[in-house]
Amino acid sequence: MPRRFGRPGLLGAMARTAVVAGTATAVSGRMQRNQAERAAQQQASADAEQQALVNQAAAQAAAQQQAWQQTQQAPPPPPAAAPAPAVDRVGQLTALAELKAQGLLTDEEFATEKARVLSG
């Protein structure tokens, strides 16, 4: 069989087309895999960042709730008792003496009230 020179025949054109199509398919598939891997890495990175934010927010909320519970559990100290008013014993004894002098108190009542004022 003689060999042809020039343009390829039908069989040569089909073979060349098959090679080009196969190469294009292989390159296209590799590009799609690379893009899918990059997208997966970006998604994993975004998921990790979002999880870190969620964990941080949860930790802050827990700390705030713990602080709130501590403020609720510890009641404020009771206010200091006001000092007792100073007893004016001289004034009370003077008033008792006046009541006795007016005859409104007996000697026994005066002595009882005088002892109460002086004791306390």
N, C-alpha and C. Protein backbone atom coordinates (compact mmCIF):
# COMPACT_ATOMS: atom_id res chain seq x y z
N MET A 1 0.83 -1.16 0.00
CA MET A 1 0.00 0.00 0.00
C MET A 1 0.88 1.23 0.00
N PRO A 2 0.55 2.11 -0.90
CA PRO A 2 1.36 3.31 -0.99
C PRO A 2 1.02 4.29 0.13
N ARG A 3 2.01 4.97 0.55
CA ARG A 3 1.82 5.95 1.59
C ARG A 3 1.42 7.27 1.01
N ARG A 4 0.49 7.92 1.70
CA ARG A 4 0.01 9.22 1.19
C ARG A 4 0.76 10.33 1.87
N PHE A 5 0.98 11.36 1.13
CA PHE A 5 1.60 12.56 1.66
C PHE A 5 0.62 13.69 1.54
N GLY A 6 0.68 14.66 2.45
CA GLY A 6 -0.22 15.80 2.39
C GLY A 6 -1.23 15.73 3.53
N ARG A 7 -2.41 15.98 3.21
CA ARG A 7 -3.46 16.00 4.21
C ARG A 7 -3.76 14.59 4.69
N PRO A 8 -4.03 14.44 6.00
CA PRO A 8 -4.32 13.10 6.50
C PRO A 8 -5.67 12.63 5.99
N GLY A 9 -5.79 11.37 5.97
CA GLY A 9 -7.05 10.79 5.53
C GLY A 9 -8.07 10.83 6.66
N LEU A 10 -9.15 10.17 6.40
CA LEU A 10 -10.26 10.17 7.35
C LEU A 10 -9.84 9.53 8.67
N LEU A 11 -9.14 8.45 8.60
CA LEU A 11 -8.72 7.74 9.80
C LEU A 11 -7.73 8.59 10.61
N GLY A 12 -6.84 9.28 9.98
CA GLY A 12 -5.87 10.15 10.66
C GLY A 12 -6.55 11.32 11.33
N ALA A 13 -7.53 11.90 10.66
CA ALA A 13 -8.26 13.04 11.22
C ALA A 13 -9.04 12.60 12.46
N MET A 14 -9.63 11.42 12.39
CA MET A 14 -10.38 10.91 13.55
C MET A 14 -9.45 10.65 14.72
N ALA A 15 -8.29 10.10 14.45
CA ALA A 15 -7.33 9.81 15.51
C ALA A 15 -6.85 11.10 16.17
N ARG A 16 -6.52 12.09 15.33
CA ARG A 16 -6.09 13.36 15.88
C ARG A 16 -7.20 13.99 16.71
N THR A 17 -8.42 13.93 16.26
CA THR A 17 -9.55 14.49 17.00
C THR A 17 -9.72 13.77 18.33
N ALA A 18 -9.56 12.46 18.32
CA ALA A 18 -9.69 11.69 19.56
C ALA A 18 -8.61 12.07 20.56
N VAL A 19 -7.40 12.26 20.09
CA VAL A 19 -6.30 12.63 20.97
C VAL A 19 -6.56 14.02 21.57
N VAL A 20 -6.97 14.96 20.73
CA VAL A 20 -7.25 16.32 21.22
C VAL A 20 -8.40 16.30 22.21
N ALA A 21 -9.46 15.56 21.90
CA ALA A 21 -10.62 15.50 22.80
C ALA A 21 -10.23 14.84 24.11
N GLY A 22 -9.44 13.78 24.05
CA GLY A 22 -9.01 13.11 25.28
C GLY A 22 -8.15 14.01 26.14
N THR A 23 -7.25 14.74 25.49
CA THR A 23 -6.40 15.66 26.23
C THR A 23 -7.24 16.77 26.87
N ALA A 24 -8.19 17.30 26.14
CA ALA A 24 -9.06 18.35 26.66
C ALA A 24 -9.88 17.83 27.84
N THR A 25 -10.36 16.62 27.74
CA THR A 25 -11.14 16.04 28.82
C THR A 25 -10.27 15.85 30.07
N ALA A 26 -9.07 15.35 29.87
CA ALA A 26 -8.17 15.14 31.00
C ALA A 26 -7.82 16.45 31.67
N VAL A 27 -7.50 17.46 30.88
CA VAL A 27 -7.16 18.77 31.44
C VAL A 27 -8.36 19.37 32.16
N SER A 28 -9.53 19.27 31.55
CA SER A 28 -10.75 19.80 32.15
C SER A 28 -11.04 19.09 33.48
N GLY A 29 -10.91 17.78 33.51
CA GLY A 29 -11.14 17.03 34.75
C GLY A 29 -10.16 17.42 35.84
N ARG A 30 -8.89 17.58 35.48
CA ARG A 30 -7.88 17.97 36.46
C ARG A 30 -8.20 19.37 37.01
N MET A 31 -8.61 20.28 36.14
CA MET A 31 -8.96 21.63 36.59
C MET A 31 -10.15 21.58 37.54
N GLN A 32 -11.14 20.76 37.22
CA GLN A 32 -12.31 20.66 38.09
C GLN A 32 -11.93 20.09 39.45
N ARG A 33 -11.06 19.06 39.46
CA ARG A 33 -10.61 18.48 40.73
C ARG A 33 -9.84 19.52 41.56
N ASN A 34 -8.95 20.26 40.89
CA ASN A 34 -8.19 21.29 41.60
C ASN A 34 -9.11 22.36 42.19
N GLN A 35 -10.09 22.78 41.40
CA GLN A 35 -11.04 23.79 41.89
C GLN A 35 -11.85 23.24 43.06
N ALA A 36 -12.27 21.98 42.96
CA ALA A 36 -13.05 21.37 44.04
C ALA A 36 -12.20 21.26 45.31
N GLU A 37 -10.91 20.90 45.16
CA GLU A 37 -10.03 20.81 46.32
C GLU A 37 -9.84 22.18 46.96
N ARG A 38 -9.62 23.21 46.14
CA ARG A 38 -9.47 24.57 46.69
C ARG A 38 -10.75 25.02 47.39
N ALA A 39 -11.88 24.73 46.79
CA ALA A 39 -13.15 25.12 47.41
C ALA A 39 -13.34 24.38 48.73
N ALA A 40 -12.96 23.11 48.77
CA ALA A 40 -13.09 22.35 50.02
C ALA A 40 -12.17 22.91 51.10
N GLN A 41 -10.94 23.29 50.70
CA GLN A 41 -10.01 23.87 51.67
C GLN A 41 -10.54 25.21 52.19
N GLN A 42 -11.07 26.02 51.30
CA GLN A 42 -11.62 27.31 51.72
C GLN A 42 -12.82 27.11 52.63
N GLN A 43 -13.66 26.14 52.31
CA GLN A 43 -14.83 25.86 53.14
C GLN A 43 -14.40 25.37 54.52
N ALA A 44 -13.40 24.49 54.55
CA ALA A 44 -12.90 24.00 55.83
C ALA A 44 -12.32 25.14 56.66
N SER A 45 -11.60 26.04 56.00
CA SER A 45 -11.03 27.19 56.69
C SER A 45 -12.13 28.09 57.24
N ALA A 46 -13.13 28.34 56.42
CA ALA A 46 -14.26 29.18 56.86
C ALA A 46 -15.01 28.51 58.00
N ASP A 47 -15.20 27.20 57.92
CA ASP A 47 -15.88 26.47 58.99
C ASP A 47 -15.09 26.56 60.30
N ALA A 48 -13.77 26.42 60.19
CA ALA A 48 -12.93 26.50 61.39
C ALA A 48 -13.01 27.90 62.01
N GLU A 49 -12.99 28.93 61.18
CA GLU A 49 -13.09 30.30 61.69
C GLU A 49 -14.44 30.53 62.37
N GLN A 50 -15.49 30.04 61.73
CA GLN A 50 -16.82 30.22 62.29
C GLN A 50 -16.95 29.45 63.61
N GLN A 51 -16.39 28.24 63.67
CA GLN A 51 -16.44 27.47 64.90
C GLN A 51 -15.66 28.17 66.01
N ALA A 52 -14.54 28.79 65.65
CA ALA A 52 -13.76 29.53 66.64
C ALA A 52 -14.57 30.72 67.18
N LEU A 53 -15.29 31.40 66.29
CA LEU A 53 -16.13 32.52 66.73
C LEU A 53 -17.25 32.04 67.64
N VAL A 54 -17.85 30.91 67.28
CA VAL A 54 -18.94 30.36 68.10
C VAL A 54 -18.40 29.97 69.47
N ASN A 55 -17.23 29.33 69.49
CA ASN A 55 -16.63 28.94 70.78
C ASN A 55 -16.30 30.16 71.62
N GLN A 56 -15.79 31.21 70.98
CA GLN A 56 -15.46 32.44 71.72
C GLN A 56 -16.72 33.08 72.28
N ALA A 57 -17.77 33.13 71.49
CA ALA A 57 -19.03 33.72 71.96
C ALA A 57 -19.61 32.89 73.10
N ALA A 58 -19.52 31.57 72.99
CA ALA A 58 -20.02 30.70 74.06
C ALA A 58 -19.23 30.91 75.34
N ALA A 59 -17.92 31.07 75.22
CA ALA A 59 -17.09 31.30 76.41
C ALA A 59 -17.44 32.64 77.06
N GLN A 60 -17.66 33.66 76.24
CA GLN A 60 -18.03 34.97 76.78
C GLN A 60 -19.38 34.89 77.48
N ALA A 61 -20.33 34.20 76.86
CA ALA A 61 -21.65 34.08 77.47
C ALA A 61 -21.57 33.32 78.78
N ALA A 62 -20.77 32.27 78.82
CA ALA A 62 -20.62 31.51 80.06
C ALA A 62 -19.98 32.36 81.15
N ALA A 63 -18.98 33.16 80.79
CA ALA A 63 -18.33 34.03 81.77
C ALA A 63 -19.30 35.09 82.29
N GLN A 64 -20.09 35.64 81.38
CA GLN A 64 -21.07 36.65 81.81
C GLN A 64 -22.12 36.03 82.73
N GLN A 65 -22.58 34.83 82.40
CA GLN A 65 -23.59 34.19 83.24
C GLN A 65 -23.01 33.84 84.60
N GLN A 66 -21.78 33.38 84.63
CA GLN A 66 -21.14 33.05 85.89
C GLN A 66 -20.98 34.30 86.75
N ALA A 67 -20.58 35.39 86.13
CA ALA A 67 -20.45 36.65 86.88
C ALA A 67 -21.80 37.10 87.41
N TRP A 68 -22.83 36.95 86.61
CA TRP A 68 -24.17 37.35 87.03
C TRP A 68 -24.63 36.48 88.20
N GLN A 69 -24.36 35.17 88.11
CA GLN A 69 -24.77 34.28 89.19
C GLN A 69 -24.03 34.61 90.48
N GLN A 70 -22.76 34.97 90.36
CA GLN A 70 -22.01 35.32 91.56
C GLN A 70 -22.57 36.57 92.21
N THR A 71 -23.01 37.53 91.39
CA THR A 71 -23.58 38.74 91.98
C THR A 71 -24.93 38.43 92.61
N GLN A 72 -25.63 37.45 92.07
CA GLN A 72 -26.94 37.10 92.63
C GLN A 72 -26.80 36.27 93.89
N GLN A 73 -25.76 35.44 93.98
CA GLN A 73 -25.59 34.56 95.12
C GLN A 73 -25.09 35.30 96.35
N ALA A 74 -24.25 36.27 96.16
CA ALA A 74 -23.69 37.00 97.30
C ALA A 74 -24.57 38.20 97.61
N PRO A 75 -25.39 38.11 98.66
CA PRO A 75 -26.23 39.26 98.99
C PRO A 75 -25.36 40.40 99.52
N PRO A 76 -25.78 41.60 99.27
CA PRO A 76 -24.98 42.73 99.77
C PRO A 76 -24.97 42.72 101.29
N PRO A 77 -23.90 43.19 101.88
CA PRO A 77 -23.83 43.19 103.34
C PRO A 77 -24.91 44.11 103.91
N PRO A 78 -25.45 43.74 105.04
CA PRO A 78 -26.50 44.59 105.62
C PRO A 78 -25.92 45.94 106.02
N PRO A 79 -26.72 46.96 105.92
CA PRO A 79 -26.21 48.28 106.30
C PRO A 79 -25.85 48.30 107.78
N ALA A 80 -24.86 49.08 108.12
CA ALA A 80 -24.43 49.17 109.51
C ALA A 80 -25.56 49.74 110.35
N ALA A 81 -25.69 49.15 111.52
CA ALA A 81 -26.75 49.61 112.41
C ALA A 81 -26.46 51.05 112.84
N ALA A 82 -27.48 51.84 112.83
CA ALA A 82 -27.32 53.24 113.24
C ALA A 82 -27.03 53.27 114.73
N PRO A 83 -26.12 54.12 115.14
CA PRO A 83 -25.79 54.18 116.57
C PRO A 83 -27.03 54.62 117.37
N ALA A 84 -27.14 54.03 118.51
CA ALA A 84 -28.28 54.38 119.36
C ALA A 84 -28.18 55.85 119.75
N PRO A 85 -29.32 56.52 119.75
CA PRO A 85 -29.26 57.93 120.12
C PRO A 85 -28.75 58.07 121.56
N ALA A 86 -28.01 59.11 121.77
CA ALA A 86 -27.45 59.35 123.10
C ALA A 86 -28.60 59.59 124.09
N VAL A 87 -28.49 58.88 125.18
CA VAL A 87 -29.55 58.99 126.20
C VAL A 87 -29.26 60.22 127.07
N ASP A 88 -30.25 61.06 127.16
CA ASP A 88 -30.12 62.27 127.98
C ASP A 88 -30.63 61.92 129.39
N ARG A 89 -29.73 61.31 130.17
CA ARG A 89 -30.13 60.84 131.50
C ARG A 89 -30.45 62.01 132.44
N VAL A 90 -29.67 63.06 132.29
CA VAL A 90 -29.90 64.22 133.16
C VAL A 90 -31.28 64.81 132.89
N GLY A 91 -31.62 64.90 131.58
CA GLY A 91 -32.93 65.45 131.23
C GLY A 91 -34.06 64.57 131.74
N GLN A 92 -33.87 63.23 131.65
CA GLN A 92 -34.92 62.33 132.13
C GLN A 92 -35.07 62.42 133.66
N LEU A 93 -33.93 62.47 134.33
CA LEU A 93 -34.01 62.58 135.79
C LEU A 93 -34.65 63.90 136.23
N THR A 94 -34.34 64.96 135.47
CA THR A 94 -34.95 66.27 135.79
C THR A 94 -36.46 66.21 135.58
N ALA A 95 -36.89 65.57 134.51
CA ALA A 95 -38.32 65.45 134.24
C ALA A 95 -39.01 64.62 135.33
N LEU A 96 -38.34 63.52 135.77
CA LEU A 96 -38.92 62.71 136.86
C LEU A 96 -39.03 63.51 138.16
N ALA A 97 -38.00 64.32 138.43
CA ALA A 97 -38.03 65.13 139.66
C ALA A 97 -39.17 66.14 139.61
N GLU A 98 -39.41 66.71 138.44
CA GLU A 98 -40.50 67.67 138.30
C GLU A 98 -41.85 66.98 138.50
N LEU A 99 -42.00 65.78 137.94
CA LEU A 99 -43.26 65.04 138.12
C LEU A 99 -43.47 64.69 139.60
N LYS A 100 -42.40 64.36 140.31
CA LYS A 100 -42.53 64.03 141.74
C LYS A 100 -42.89 65.28 142.54
N ALA A 101 -42.25 66.41 142.15
CA ALA A 101 -42.52 67.66 142.85
C ALA A 101 -43.96 68.10 142.64
N GLN A 102 -44.54 67.80 141.47
CA GLN A 102 -45.93 68.17 141.18
C GLN A 102 -46.89 67.21 141.87
N GLY A 103 -46.36 66.11 142.38
CA GLY A 103 -47.22 65.15 143.06
C GLY A 103 -47.80 64.11 142.13
N LEU A 104 -47.32 64.03 140.91
CA LEU A 104 -47.84 63.04 139.96
C LEU A 104 -47.17 61.67 140.14
N LEU A 105 -46.00 61.63 140.80
CA LEU A 105 -45.31 60.36 141.05
C LEU A 105 -45.14 60.19 142.55
N THR A 106 -45.28 58.97 142.99
CA THR A 106 -45.02 58.67 144.40
C THR A 106 -43.52 58.44 144.56
N ASP A 107 -43.06 58.36 145.85
CA ASP A 107 -41.65 58.10 146.11
C ASP A 107 -41.22 56.76 145.53
N GLU A 108 -42.10 55.77 145.64
CA GLU A 108 -41.78 54.44 145.11
C GLU A 108 -41.67 54.45 143.59
N GLU A 109 -42.60 55.11 142.88
CA GLU A 109 -42.56 55.20 141.41
C GLU A 109 -41.32 55.99 140.95
N PHE A 110 -41.01 57.06 141.71
CA PHE A 110 -39.84 57.85 141.36
C PHE A 110 -38.57 57.01 141.47
N ALA A 111 -38.47 56.23 142.56
CA ALA A 111 -37.27 55.40 142.78
C ALA A 111 -37.15 54.33 141.69
N THR A 112 -38.25 53.72 141.28
CA THR A 112 -38.24 52.69 140.24
C THR A 112 -37.79 53.28 138.89
N GLU A 113 -38.38 54.41 138.54
CA GLU A 113 -38.04 55.05 137.25
C GLU A 113 -36.60 55.58 137.26
N LYS A 114 -36.16 56.09 138.44
CA LYS A 114 -34.79 56.59 138.54
C LYS A 114 -33.79 55.44 138.35
N ALA A 115 -34.09 54.28 138.92
CA ALA A 115 -33.22 53.11 138.76
C ALA A 115 -33.20 52.64 137.30
N ARG A 116 -34.33 52.68 136.65
CA ARG A 116 -34.41 52.29 135.23
C ARG A 116 -33.57 53.21 134.35
N VAL A 117 -33.67 54.53 134.58
CA VAL A 117 -32.92 55.50 133.79
C VAL A 117 -31.42 55.34 134.02
N LEU A 118 -31.02 55.15 135.26
CA LEU A 118 -29.61 55.04 135.57
C LEU A 118 -29.00 53.72 135.09
N SER A 119 -29.78 52.68 135.00
CA SER A 119 -29.26 51.37 134.57
C SER A 119 -29.13 51.26 133.05
N GLY A 120 -29.80 52.11 132.42
CA GLY A 120 -29.70 51.93 131.09
C GLY A 120 -29.90 52.36 129.85
